[in-house]
């Protein structure tokens, strides 16, 4: 049989034999198989009703908006900003090992084992990192890893940083309030809106606070300067409207930045003004004198014998700089006499003493919006020695804010007004006010407050500010260390009001463990807390709408008694 030849008579060459055809079939089969699997997976992912990135829609509470927080003048204290969070869909990741290595190159702080387990799981959706920086987001995008994506979330931003941290509070990673006024807003029903998915894309009205950011900055600035100058371990201050109970400024140092809420976990960073309990020392003598005068058992023209110390129950009560003579009621106040204060308390009696301090709110937990509020402590059973020591500020622990609120009642005509961190009119304040002492007692206490600052013999004379008629009372308390009162560690305070002939604001400053300045032997409140109050008033009075008046400097008030 002749071979198969072409028209030139040459044998024909066959291009494909049985072997080549089988290879072609195998290649085609692999091609169809691979793309068939890919197509099948795409169909499966498209129709499967499993948890995936798309399942996290608008109803997810972490996407919810929060209302802005504003100060009383409309300055922004807290607002929402958009941020990117990184997620993975492990079922779509082809090579978890490679994906882990690439991501660790951008975020080396991630735990490699944790990251691999997340990427190699069979989950439809997992978070890898919340709140990435723009640089991190771009770096991950450049990697081009299938199954890795970003979700735009809401993050809380605090433009003022540390300025009002303890008041505004902060939110957690899910944008839910966990401290301060942020938590208050959630507790008022906003959290329920979040959980129901009704706080998304909503034009929420901003929440205005009673704070004045300008005054808040001044208070914080002066407290920081005082801590450095007197080498103190902590300090705090509050400015309170005596007629409305509005907290215009309040801070405590060391403080924290709510943009980094983990700082709040530091044990030294606490809101000492409302959540700290302290023996307030001689500032309590203001309430002892007010109690004695309001009881009718003591008149401002009366006197007490402070010639010698009081001995009671194995204790000796003496004066820091004793005059060793009979003291009038005003002298008991300006010389801050422990002996005189003890005898004022004795004149009223134990039950009357406890009842008065309860009446003015010093022994009860405050009712206000801020969640971080401590409950004052007192002896379970009041005995004579308790009443005596409490008369000059030892034996009862209360918060500085409690003290400021009670002092407002001494200055505003005798009405106790609960403090608020929200705007409140005088009419609204009158509706919640309670009369706790007479107007006559209030007038007499204003006279004593001014005398203690205007008279050079007074312990508060370093708080005087020309034109603003400041009045006040110092308090230097020995701190309890290992169950005993320390002779070296002090908790100092200056409780003031201005302008004293018609008070509008209480200013209270506390300084924890101040040291004597160079050339000084003592670190009493008159040496450090009082001048700090003076500096705050000097800088903030005009911002608070108080105009200076020069001339008599309130002498008309001093000569009225």
Protein backbone atom coordinates (compact mmCIF):
# COMPACT_ATOMS: atom_id res chain seq x y z
CA UNK A 1 0.00 0.00 0.00
CA UNK A 2 1.44 3.34 -1.03
CA UNK A 3 2.11 5.89 1.71
CA UNK A 4 -0.03 9.05 1.92
CA UNK A 5 1.81 11.57 -0.28
CA UNK A 6 1.30 15.15 -1.31
CA UNK A 7 1.04 16.33 -4.95
CA UNK A 8 4.85 16.44 -5.18
CA UNK A 9 5.06 12.80 -4.22
CA UNK A 10 6.42 13.44 -0.73
CA UNK A 11 5.06 11.55 2.29
CA UNK A 12 2.65 13.65 4.39
CA UNK A 13 3.64 14.52 8.09
CA UNK A 14 0.74 14.16 10.55
CA UNK A 15 0.80 16.97 13.22
CA UNK A 16 -1.09 15.21 15.95
CA UNK A 17 -0.83 11.71 17.09
CA UNK A 18 -2.77 9.92 19.79
CA UNK A 19 -0.40 11.26 22.52
CA UNK A 20 -0.82 14.91 21.49
CA UNK A 21 -4.56 14.62 21.37
CA UNK A 22 -4.68 13.21 24.89
CA UNK A 23 -2.58 16.09 26.19
CA UNK A 24 -4.92 18.58 24.59
CA UNK A 25 -7.92 16.91 26.13
CA UNK A 26 -6.30 16.93 29.59
CA UNK A 27 -5.39 20.63 29.30
CA UNK A 28 -8.89 21.53 28.24
CA UNK A 29 -10.31 19.52 31.06
CA UNK A 30 -8.15 21.26 33.64
CA UNK A 31 -9.04 24.66 32.22
CA UNK A 32 -12.74 23.92 32.32
CA UNK A 33 -12.46 22.39 35.79
CA UNK A 34 -10.58 25.28 37.36
CA UNK A 35 -12.85 27.94 35.98
CA UNK A 36 -15.84 25.81 36.78
CA UNK A 37 -14.82 25.71 40.45
CA UNK A 38 -14.23 29.46 40.47
CA UNK A 39 -17.58 30.10 38.86
CA UNK A 40 -19.31 27.74 41.24
CA UNK A 41 -17.77 29.47 44.24
CA UNK A 42 -18.86 32.85 42.96
CA UNK A 43 -22.40 31.60 42.54
CA UNK A 44 -22.34 30.06 46.01
CA UNK A 45 -21.08 33.25 47.65
CA UNK A 46 -23.61 35.27 45.76
CA UNK A 47 -26.65 33.29 46.88
CA UNK A 48 -25.57 31.89 50.27
CA UNK A 49 -27.51 33.47 53.19
CA UNK A 50 -24.44 33.54 55.43
CA UNK A 51 -22.85 36.31 57.50
CA UNK A 52 -20.79 38.57 55.28
CA UNK A 53 -19.62 42.16 54.97
CA UNK A 54 -22.87 43.07 53.25
CA UNK A 55 -24.78 41.80 56.27
CA UNK A 56 -23.46 44.72 58.29
CA UNK A 57 -25.76 47.41 57.03
CA UNK A 58 -27.17 50.67 58.25
CA UNK A 59 -28.97 49.08 61.16
CA UNK A 60 -25.70 48.06 62.80
CA UNK A 61 -25.40 50.13 65.96
CA UNK A 62 -21.68 50.83 65.56
CA UNK A 63 -22.56 52.92 62.52
CA UNK A 64 -24.91 55.12 64.54
CA UNK A 65 -24.47 58.85 64.82
CA UNK A 66 -24.10 60.69 68.11
CA UNK A 67 -25.24 64.23 68.82
CA UNK A 68 -22.51 66.83 69.06
CA UNK A 69 -21.68 68.19 72.51
CA UNK A 70 -21.35 71.98 72.68
CA UNK A 71 -20.32 74.41 75.39
CA UNK A 72 -22.73 77.16 76.44
CA UNK A 73 -21.40 79.42 73.65
CA UNK A 74 -21.73 76.82 70.88
CA UNK A 75 -18.09 75.69 70.82
CA UNK A 76 -17.78 72.02 69.85
CA UNK A 77 -16.68 69.74 72.69
CA UNK A 78 -17.37 66.40 70.96
CA UNK A 79 -18.36 65.41 67.43
CA UNK A 80 -18.40 62.41 65.08
CA UNK A 81 -15.79 61.90 62.38
CA UNK A 82 -15.48 59.14 59.79
CA UNK A 83 -12.79 56.51 60.13
CA UNK A 84 -11.88 53.29 58.30
CA UNK A 85 -11.94 49.88 59.99
CA UNK A 86 -10.34 46.78 58.48
CA UNK A 87 -12.26 43.53 58.07
CA UNK A 88 -11.71 40.19 56.37
CA UNK A 89 -13.98 37.63 54.75
CA UNK A 90 -11.95 34.47 55.41
CA UNK A 91 -13.95 32.31 52.99
CA UNK A 92 -12.69 34.49 50.14
CA UNK A 93 -9.04 34.54 51.16
CA UNK A 94 -6.99 32.24 48.93
CA UNK A 95 -3.78 32.01 51.01
CA UNK A 96 -4.10 32.91 54.73
CA UNK A 97 -0.33 32.55 55.25
CA UNK A 98 0.52 35.08 52.58
CA UNK A 99 -2.27 37.44 53.63
CA UNK A 100 -1.05 37.33 57.26
CA UNK A 101 2.52 38.14 56.28
CA UNK A 102 1.46 41.05 54.11
CA UNK A 103 -0.83 42.56 56.76
CA UNK A 104 1.82 42.21 59.48
CA UNK A 105 4.12 44.27 57.31
CA UNK A 106 1.67 47.17 57.64
CA UNK A 107 0.53 46.49 61.22
CA UNK A 108 3.40 44.69 63.00
CA UNK A 109 1.71 45.10 66.39
CA UNK A 110 -0.95 42.51 65.48
CA UNK A 111 -0.52 39.07 67.03
CA UNK A 112 0.61 36.77 64.16
CA UNK A 113 -1.11 33.66 65.57
CA UNK A 114 -4.33 35.55 66.25
CA UNK A 115 -4.28 37.06 62.78
CA UNK A 116 -3.67 33.72 61.02
CA UNK A 117 -6.48 32.01 62.96
CA UNK A 118 -8.88 34.78 61.94
CA UNK A 119 -7.91 34.62 58.29
CA UNK A 120 -7.90 30.81 58.11
CA UNK A 121 -11.29 30.41 59.78
CA UNK A 122 -14.50 29.53 57.99
CA UNK A 123 -16.25 32.73 59.11
CA UNK A 124 -17.98 35.01 56.70
CA UNK A 125 -16.82 38.23 58.41
CA UNK A 126 -14.20 39.12 61.04
CA UNK A 127 -12.80 42.42 62.30
CA UNK A 128 -9.03 42.80 62.05
CA UNK A 129 -8.46 46.38 63.22
CA UNK A 130 -10.81 49.19 64.11
CA UNK A 131 -10.03 52.85 63.46
CA UNK A 132 -7.08 52.73 61.08
CA UNK A 133 -5.05 55.79 60.25
CA UNK A 134 -5.29 57.08 56.66
CA UNK A 135 -1.70 55.91 56.09
CA UNK A 136 -2.49 52.38 57.26
CA UNK A 137 -5.59 52.25 55.09
CA UNK A 138 -3.65 53.23 51.98
CA UNK A 139 -0.87 50.74 52.74
CA UNK A 140 -3.38 47.89 53.04
CA UNK A 141 -5.10 48.98 49.85
CA UNK A 142 -1.77 48.85 48.05
CA UNK A 143 -1.42 45.19 49.06
CA UNK A 144 -4.47 44.25 46.97
CA UNK A 145 -5.39 41.19 49.06
CA UNK A 146 -8.68 39.54 47.96
CA UNK A 147 -11.15 39.13 50.84
CA UNK A 148 -9.78 42.17 52.76
CA UNK A 149 -11.89 45.32 52.91
CA UNK A 150 -12.69 48.51 54.79
CA UNK A 151 -15.78 49.79 56.41
CA UNK A 152 -16.41 53.46 57.13
CA UNK A 153 -17.41 53.90 60.77
CA UNK A 154 -18.15 56.80 63.10
CA UNK A 155 -15.54 57.74 65.64
CA UNK A 156 -15.88 60.29 68.41
CA UNK A 157 -13.48 63.24 68.28
CA UNK A 158 -12.83 65.74 71.07
CA UNK A 159 -11.30 68.96 69.68
CA UNK A 160 -10.37 70.26 73.15
CA UNK A 161 -8.42 67.16 74.12
CA UNK A 162 -7.76 67.19 77.87
CA UNK A 163 -9.44 70.56 78.49
CA UNK A 164 -12.80 69.13 79.58
CA UNK A 165 -12.11 65.40 79.53
CA UNK A 166 -13.74 64.49 82.84
CA UNK A 167 -16.92 66.37 81.95
CA UNK A 168 -17.53 65.28 78.35
CA UNK A 169 -16.29 61.73 79.09
CA UNK A 170 -15.64 59.36 76.19
CA UNK A 171 -17.05 56.55 74.06
CA UNK A 172 -15.89 53.00 73.39
CA UNK A 173 -14.90 51.52 70.04
CA UNK A 174 -18.59 51.03 69.18
CA UNK A 175 -19.21 54.77 69.68
CA UNK A 176 -21.22 54.17 72.84
CA UNK A 177 -20.83 56.53 75.80
CA UNK A 178 -19.00 54.98 78.76
CA UNK A 179 -18.11 58.01 80.92
CA UNK A 180 -19.06 61.60 81.62
CA UNK A 181 -21.81 63.38 79.73
CA UNK A 182 -21.41 60.92 76.86
CA UNK A 183 -22.69 58.18 79.15
CA UNK A 184 -25.44 60.45 80.46
CA UNK A 185 -26.74 60.96 76.91
CA UNK A 186 -26.86 57.21 76.33
CA UNK A 187 -28.61 56.61 79.65
CA UNK A 188 -31.31 59.12 78.72
CA UNK A 189 -32.55 56.84 75.94
CA UNK A 190 -30.02 57.31 73.17
CA UNK A 191 -28.55 53.85 73.78
CA UNK A 192 -31.98 52.37 73.13
CA UNK A 193 -32.10 54.21 69.80
CA UNK A 194 -28.70 52.78 68.92
CA UNK A 195 -29.74 49.24 69.79
CA UNK A 196 -32.90 49.63 67.73
CA UNK A 197 -30.92 50.97 64.76
CA UNK A 198 -32.83 54.26 64.83
CA UNK A 199 -29.82 56.52 65.43
CA UNK A 200 -28.44 56.16 61.90
CA UNK A 201 -28.45 58.96 59.38
CA UNK A 202 -30.50 61.01 61.81
CA UNK A 203 -30.05 64.74 62.09
CA UNK A 204 -29.62 64.72 65.86
CA UNK A 205 -29.88 67.99 67.73
CA UNK A 206 -26.59 68.91 69.46
CA UNK A 207 -26.54 68.80 73.25
CA UNK A 208 -25.45 72.07 74.83
CA UNK A 209 -23.67 71.89 78.19
CA UNK A 210 -23.39 74.55 80.89
CA UNK A 211 -19.59 74.67 80.50
CA UNK A 212 -17.85 77.77 79.21
CA UNK A 213 -14.84 76.43 77.32
CA UNK A 214 -12.91 79.68 77.82
CA UNK A 215 -13.28 79.57 81.59
CA UNK A 216 -12.63 75.82 81.57
CA UNK A 217 -9.29 76.46 79.87
CA UNK A 218 -8.35 79.14 82.42
CA UNK A 219 -9.16 76.88 85.38
CA UNK A 220 -7.13 74.03 83.95
CA UNK A 221 -4.23 76.32 83.06
CA UNK A 222 -4.05 77.83 86.56
CA UNK A 223 -4.33 74.44 88.24
CA UNK A 224 -1.48 73.08 86.11
CA UNK A 225 0.64 76.10 87.05
CA UNK A 226 -0.19 75.61 90.74
CA UNK A 227 0.73 71.92 90.63
CA UNK A 228 4.12 72.79 89.16
CA UNK A 229 4.74 75.77 91.45
CA UNK A 230 3.81 73.98 94.68
CA UNK A 231 5.06 70.53 93.60
CA UNK A 232 1.64 68.99 94.33
CA UNK A 233 0.50 65.50 93.32
CA UNK A 234 -2.96 66.64 92.17
CA UNK A 235 -5.28 69.63 91.96
CA UNK A 236 -8.87 70.43 91.08
CA UNK A 237 -11.24 73.34 90.66
CA UNK A 238 -14.85 74.27 89.96
CA UNK A 239 -16.70 77.45 89.00
CA UNK A 240 -20.40 77.29 89.93
CA UNK A 241 -23.24 79.74 89.28
CA UNK A 242 -24.78 80.40 92.72
CA UNK A 243 -28.24 81.25 91.31
CA UNK A 244 -28.72 78.43 88.79
CA UNK A 245 -26.42 75.64 90.00
CA UNK A 246 -24.78 75.50 86.56
CA UNK A 247 -21.24 74.14 86.52
CA UNK A 248 -19.44 76.67 84.33
CA UNK A 249 -16.04 74.98 84.65
CA UNK A 250 -14.69 71.96 86.48
CA UNK A 251 -11.51 69.99 86.12
CA UNK A 252 -9.13 67.72 87.97
CA UNK A 253 -5.43 67.11 87.39
CA UNK A 254 -3.84 64.78 86.38
CA UNK A 255 -6.45 64.50 83.63
CA UNK A 256 -6.75 62.52 80.42
CA UNK A 257 -7.46 62.96 76.73
CA UNK A 258 -10.85 61.44 75.80
CA UNK A 259 -9.45 60.86 72.30
CA UNK A 260 -7.35 58.18 74.04
CA UNK A 261 -9.78 56.78 76.64
CA UNK A 262 -7.32 54.13 77.84
CA UNK A 263 -5.59 56.94 79.76
CA UNK A 264 -8.62 57.10 82.06
CA UNK A 265 -7.65 53.70 83.48
CA UNK A 266 -4.62 55.22 85.21
CA UNK A 267 -5.43 55.26 88.93
CA UNK A 268 -4.12 58.83 89.31
CA UNK A 269 -6.43 60.16 86.60
CA UNK A 270 -9.74 60.50 88.39
CA UNK A 271 -12.36 63.20 88.65
CA UNK A 272 -11.49 64.36 92.14
CA UNK A 273 -14.12 67.09 92.15
CA UNK A 274 -17.21 64.88 92.02
CA UNK A 275 -15.90 61.33 92.46
CA UNK A 276 -13.21 61.94 95.11
CA UNK A 277 -13.95 61.97 98.86
CA UNK A 278 -11.87 64.20 101.12
CA UNK A 279 -11.87 65.71 104.56
CA UNK A 280 -12.25 69.34 103.54
CA UNK A 281 -10.52 70.82 106.58
CA UNK A 282 -11.25 74.37 107.68
CA UNK A 283 -13.58 75.12 104.76
CA UNK A 284 -16.10 73.27 106.95
CA UNK A 285 -15.82 76.08 109.49
CA UNK A 286 -17.91 78.16 107.09
CA UNK A 287 -20.76 75.67 107.52
CA UNK A 288 -20.19 75.40 111.28
CA UNK A 289 -20.50 79.18 111.66
CA UNK A 290 -23.52 79.31 109.34
CA UNK A 291 -25.14 76.53 111.36
CA UNK A 292 -24.51 78.33 114.64
CA UNK A 293 -25.89 81.64 113.35
CA UNK A 294 -28.92 80.06 111.67
CA UNK A 295 -29.81 78.10 114.80
CA UNK A 296 -30.43 81.34 116.67
CA UNK A 297 -28.24 80.08 119.53
CA UNK A 298 -25.26 82.17 118.41
CA UNK A 299 -25.21 85.80 117.23
CA UNK A 300 -22.51 87.38 115.11
CA UNK A 301 -21.72 89.68 118.02
CA UNK A 302 -21.04 86.76 120.41
CA UNK A 303 -17.61 85.61 121.58
CA UNK A 304 -15.98 82.31 122.56
CA UNK A 305 -13.13 81.66 124.93
CA UNK A 306 -10.15 80.30 122.99
CA UNK A 307 -7.65 80.87 125.78
CA UNK A 308 -6.69 77.24 126.18
CA UNK A 309 -6.99 73.99 124.17
CA UNK A 310 -9.95 71.65 124.53
CA UNK A 311 -9.20 68.19 125.94
CA UNK A 312 -11.74 65.51 125.17
CA UNK A 313 -11.58 61.71 125.05
CA UNK A 314 -7.80 61.63 125.10
CA UNK A 315 -7.55 64.23 122.30
CA UNK A 316 -6.38 67.82 122.47
CA UNK A 317 -7.96 70.41 120.18
CA UNK A 318 -5.82 73.49 119.72
CA UNK A 319 -5.36 76.31 117.19
CA UNK A 320 -2.63 76.44 114.53
CA UNK A 321 -1.71 80.02 115.42
CA UNK A 322 -3.65 80.41 118.67
CA UNK A 323 -4.43 83.90 119.97
CA UNK A 324 -5.00 82.46 123.45
CA UNK A 325 -7.81 84.87 124.24
CA UNK A 326 -11.52 85.37 123.81
CA UNK A 327 -12.46 85.57 120.12
CA UNK A 328 -15.53 87.15 118.55
CA UNK A 329 -17.43 85.16 115.93
CA UNK A 330 -15.76 87.11 113.08
CA UNK A 331 -12.36 86.47 114.68
CA UNK A 332 -13.12 82.76 115.01
CA UNK A 333 -13.72 82.83 111.27
CA UNK A 334 -10.77 84.91 110.06
CA UNK A 335 -8.27 83.28 112.42
CA UNK A 336 -9.73 79.85 111.55
CA UNK A 337 -9.94 78.85 115.21
CA UNK A 338 -10.52 75.14 115.86
CA UNK A 339 -11.41 75.91 119.47
CA UNK A 340 -13.96 78.56 118.51
CA UNK A 341 -15.53 76.31 115.84
CA UNK A 342 -15.79 73.42 118.32
CA UNK A 343 -17.63 75.66 120.77
CA UNK A 344 -20.00 76.85 118.03
CA UNK A 345 -20.86 73.19 117.34
CA UNK A 346 -21.33 72.51 121.05
CA UNK A 347 -23.81 75.39 121.22
CA UNK A 348 -25.96 73.73 118.53
CA UNK A 349 -25.66 70.12 119.72
CA UNK A 350 -24.84 66.82 118.04
CA UNK A 351 -28.23 66.15 116.45
CA UNK A 352 -28.55 69.70 115.18
CA UNK A 353 -25.05 69.54 113.74
CA UNK A 354 -25.71 66.35 111.78
CA UNK A 355 -29.10 67.61 110.63
CA UNK A 356 -27.66 70.89 109.31
CA UNK A 357 -24.86 69.25 107.31
CA UNK A 358 -27.42 66.86 105.83
CA UNK A 359 -29.75 69.75 105.04
CA UNK A 360 -27.11 71.63 103.04
CA UNK A 361 -26.19 68.47 101.11
CA UNK A 362 -22.73 67.76 102.50
CA UNK A 363 -23.58 64.25 103.70
CA UNK A 364 -25.67 63.06 100.74
CA UNK A 365 -24.86 61.87 97.24
CA UNK A 366 -25.50 64.62 94.71
CA UNK A 367 -28.20 64.31 92.10
CA UNK A 368 -26.77 65.54 88.80
CA UNK A 369 -26.16 64.40 85.22
CA UNK A 370 -22.53 63.38 85.62
CA UNK A 371 -22.36 59.62 86.38
CA UNK A 372 -19.08 59.84 88.32
CA UNK A 373 -20.39 61.01 91.70
CA UNK A 374 -19.28 59.66 95.09
CA UNK A 375 -21.36 59.27 98.25
CA UNK A 376 -20.01 61.18 101.30
CA UNK A 377 -19.07 59.23 104.41
CA UNK A 378 -19.74 60.04 108.07
CA UNK A 379 -19.52 58.28 111.45
CA UNK A 380 -22.14 55.59 111.98
CA UNK A 381 -22.84 57.05 115.39
CA UNK A 382 -22.13 60.70 116.12
CA UNK A 383 -20.58 61.30 119.52
CA UNK A 384 -19.41 64.56 121.06
CA UNK A 385 -15.85 64.08 119.83
CA UNK A 386 -17.17 63.50 116.28
CA UNK A 387 -19.18 66.71 116.33
CA UNK A 388 -16.16 68.65 117.61
CA UNK A 389 -13.72 67.38 114.99
CA UNK A 390 -16.27 67.66 112.17
CA UNK A 391 -16.78 71.32 113.12
CA UNK A 392 -13.31 72.06 111.76
CA UNK A 393 -13.39 69.58 108.88
CA UNK A 394 -12.12 66.24 110.15
CA UNK A 395 -14.20 63.08 110.52
CA UNK A 396 -16.47 63.57 107.49
CA UNK A 397 -15.44 63.00 103.88
CA UNK A 398 -17.33 64.67 101.06
CA UNK A 399 -16.66 65.72 97.49
CA UNK A 400 -15.35 69.16 96.57
CA UNK A 401 -18.42 69.63 94.34
CA UNK A 402 -20.72 68.90 97.32
CA UNK A 403 -18.79 71.59 99.20
CA UNK A 404 -19.16 74.16 96.40
CA UNK A 405 -22.89 73.49 96.06
CA UNK A 406 -23.43 73.87 99.82
CA UNK A 407 -21.39 77.09 99.79
CA UNK A 408 -23.64 78.48 97.05
CA UNK A 409 -26.54 78.19 99.50
CA UNK A 410 -24.58 80.27 102.02
CA UNK A 411 -24.10 82.99 99.40
CA UNK A 412 -27.34 83.12 97.37
CA UNK A 413 -29.77 83.91 100.16
CA UNK A 414 -30.07 80.41 101.63
CA UNK A 415 -31.30 78.17 98.78
CA UNK A 416 -29.77 74.78 98.01
CA UNK A 417 -29.79 74.21 94.23
CA UNK A 418 -28.74 70.83 92.76
CA UNK A 419 -25.77 71.20 90.41
CA UNK A 420 -26.24 70.75 86.70
CA UNK A 421 -23.97 70.34 83.68
CA UNK A 422 -26.77 71.45 81.34
CA UNK A 423 -28.02 75.02 80.82
CA UNK A 424 -30.58 76.11 83.41
CA UNK A 425 -32.38 79.43 83.82
CA UNK A 426 -32.91 81.12 87.19
CA UNK A 427 -36.62 80.38 86.94
CA UNK A 428 -35.89 76.69 86.39
CA UNK A 429 -33.45 76.75 89.32
CA UNK A 430 -36.06 78.30 91.59
CA UNK A 431 -38.37 75.38 90.79
CA UNK A 432 -35.87 72.83 92.14
CA UNK A 433 -34.34 74.94 94.93
CA UNK A 434 -34.84 74.20 98.62
CA UNK A 435 -34.45 76.80 101.35
CA UNK A 436 -31.90 75.55 103.87
CA UNK A 437 -31.07 78.70 105.85
CA UNK A 438 -32.35 82.24 106.31
CA UNK A 439 -31.48 85.27 104.21
CA UNK A 440 -30.12 86.92 107.35
CA UNK A 441 -27.65 84.07 107.86
CA UNK A 442 -26.62 84.32 104.22
CA UNK A 443 -26.00 88.06 104.59
CA UNK A 444 -23.84 87.43 107.66
CA UNK A 445 -21.84 84.72 105.91
CA UNK A 446 -21.15 87.02 102.96
CA UNK A 447 -19.82 89.57 105.42
CA UNK A 448 -17.52 86.98 107.04
CA UNK A 449 -16.33 85.68 103.67
CA UNK A 450 -15.36 89.18 102.54
CA UNK A 451 -13.76 90.03 105.89
CA UNK A 452 -11.53 86.96 105.65
CA UNK A 453 -10.10 88.20 102.33
CA UNK A 454 -10.21 92.00 102.68
CA UNK A 455 -8.74 92.07 106.20
CA UNK A 456 -4.99 91.49 106.20
CA UNK A 457 -5.44 89.35 109.30
CA UNK A 458 -7.66 86.98 107.32
CA UNK A 459 -6.35 83.63 106.11
CA UNK A 460 -7.64 84.30 102.59
CA UNK A 461 -6.13 87.71 101.89
CA UNK A 462 -3.94 86.35 99.05
CA UNK A 463 -7.10 85.63 97.04
CA UNK A 464 -8.09 89.30 96.81
CA UNK A 465 -8.50 90.69 93.29
CA UNK A 466 -8.85 94.43 92.86
CA UNK A 467 -12.29 95.36 91.58
CA UNK A 468 -14.01 92.02 92.13
CA UNK A 469 -14.64 91.92 95.91
CA UNK A 470 -13.68 88.31 96.56
CA UNK A 471 -14.65 86.53 99.76
CA UNK A 472 -13.75 83.08 100.98
CA UNK A 473 -12.53 80.54 103.50
CA UNK A 474 -9.32 78.53 103.58
CA UNK A 475 -9.04 74.86 104.46
CA UNK A 476 -5.84 73.02 105.33
CA UNK A 477 -6.53 69.38 106.24
CA UNK A 478 -4.01 66.83 107.42
CA UNK A 479 -4.31 63.71 105.26
CA UNK A 480 -4.80 60.29 106.78
CA UNK A 481 -1.79 58.04 106.12
CA UNK A 482 -1.82 54.45 107.43
CA UNK A 483 -4.74 55.24 109.72
CA UNK A 484 -3.17 58.33 111.30
CA UNK A 485 -3.16 62.02 110.48
CA UNK A 486 0.07 63.08 108.81
CA UNK A 487 1.92 66.20 109.95
CA UNK A 488 3.47 66.73 106.51
CA UNK A 489 0.86 65.72 103.90
CA UNK A 490 -1.93 68.26 103.44
CA UNK A 491 -5.09 68.57 101.38
CA UNK A 492 -5.62 72.29 100.86
CA UNK A 493 -8.68 74.15 99.65
CA UNK A 494 -9.95 77.67 99.18
CA UNK A 495 -13.71 78.17 98.97
CA UNK A 496 -14.63 81.55 97.53
CA UNK A 497 -17.45 83.67 96.11
CA UNK A 498 -17.51 86.88 94.08
CA UNK A 499 -18.57 89.65 93.82
CA UNK A 500 -19.37 89.26 97.50
CA UNK A 501 -21.99 92.04 97.85
CA UNK A 502 -24.12 90.25 95.24
CA UNK A 503 -22.46 86.85 94.66
CA UNK A 504 -22.73 85.27 91.23
CA UNK A 505 -20.10 82.53 91.29
CA UNK A 506 -18.48 80.08 93.66
CA UNK A 507 -14.85 79.27 92.87
CA UNK A 508 -13.33 76.33 94.75
CA UNK A 509 -9.75 75.13 94.31
CA UNK A 510 -8.16 72.09 95.96
CA UNK A 511 -4.45 71.24 95.95
CA UNK A 512 -3.27 67.81 97.07
CA UNK A 513 0.01 67.56 99.00
CA UNK A 514 1.52 70.94 98.08
CA UNK A 515 5.09 71.69 99.21
CA UNK A 516 6.33 74.99 100.70
CA UNK A 517 7.78 77.41 98.21
CA UNK A 518 11.42 78.38 98.53
CA UNK A 519 11.85 80.57 101.57
CA UNK A 520 8.52 79.46 103.10
CA UNK A 521 8.09 77.22 106.13
CA UNK A 522 4.46 76.34 105.55
CA UNK A 523 2.29 75.12 102.68
CA UNK A 524 -1.10 76.14 104.05
CA UNK A 525 -4.13 76.84 101.86
CA UNK A 526 -3.67 80.57 102.30
CA UNK A 527 -0.25 80.26 100.68
CA UNK A 528 -1.26 78.25 97.60
CA UNK A 529 -4.98 77.53 97.09
CA UNK A 530 -6.04 81.13 97.82
CA UNK A 531 -3.72 82.82 95.29
CA UNK A 532 -4.72 80.20 92.69
CA UNK A 533 -8.37 81.19 93.14
CA UNK A 534 -7.36 84.83 92.81
CA UNK A 535 -5.63 84.10 89.50
CA UNK A 536 -8.69 82.26 88.14
CA UNK A 537 -11.02 85.12 89.06
CA UNK A 538 -8.66 87.75 87.66
CA UNK A 539 -8.56 86.02 84.26
CA UNK A 540 -12.15 84.81 83.97
CA UNK A 541 -14.36 87.42 85.66
CA UNK A 542 -14.94 89.53 82.55
CA UNK A 543 -15.69 86.40 80.51
CA UNK A 544 -18.32 85.56 83.11
CA UNK A 545 -19.93 88.95 82.70
CA UNK A 546 -18.72 90.40 86.02
CA UNK A 547 -17.53 93.97 85.62
CA UNK A 548 -14.86 95.30 87.97
CA UNK A 549 -15.85 98.08 90.36
CA UNK A 550 -13.15 100.24 91.82
CA UNK A 551 -13.32 102.51 94.81
CA UNK A 552 -14.81 101.29 98.08
CA UNK A 553 -14.02 97.65 97.25
CA UNK A 554 -17.01 96.40 99.16
CA UNK A 555 -16.25 98.35 102.36
CA UNK A 556 -19.96 99.12 102.70
CA UNK A 557 -20.48 95.42 103.34
CA UNK A 558 -17.72 95.32 105.95
CA UNK A 559 -19.04 98.23 108.01
CA UNK A 560 -22.59 96.88 108.05
CA UNK A 561 -21.87 94.69 111.09
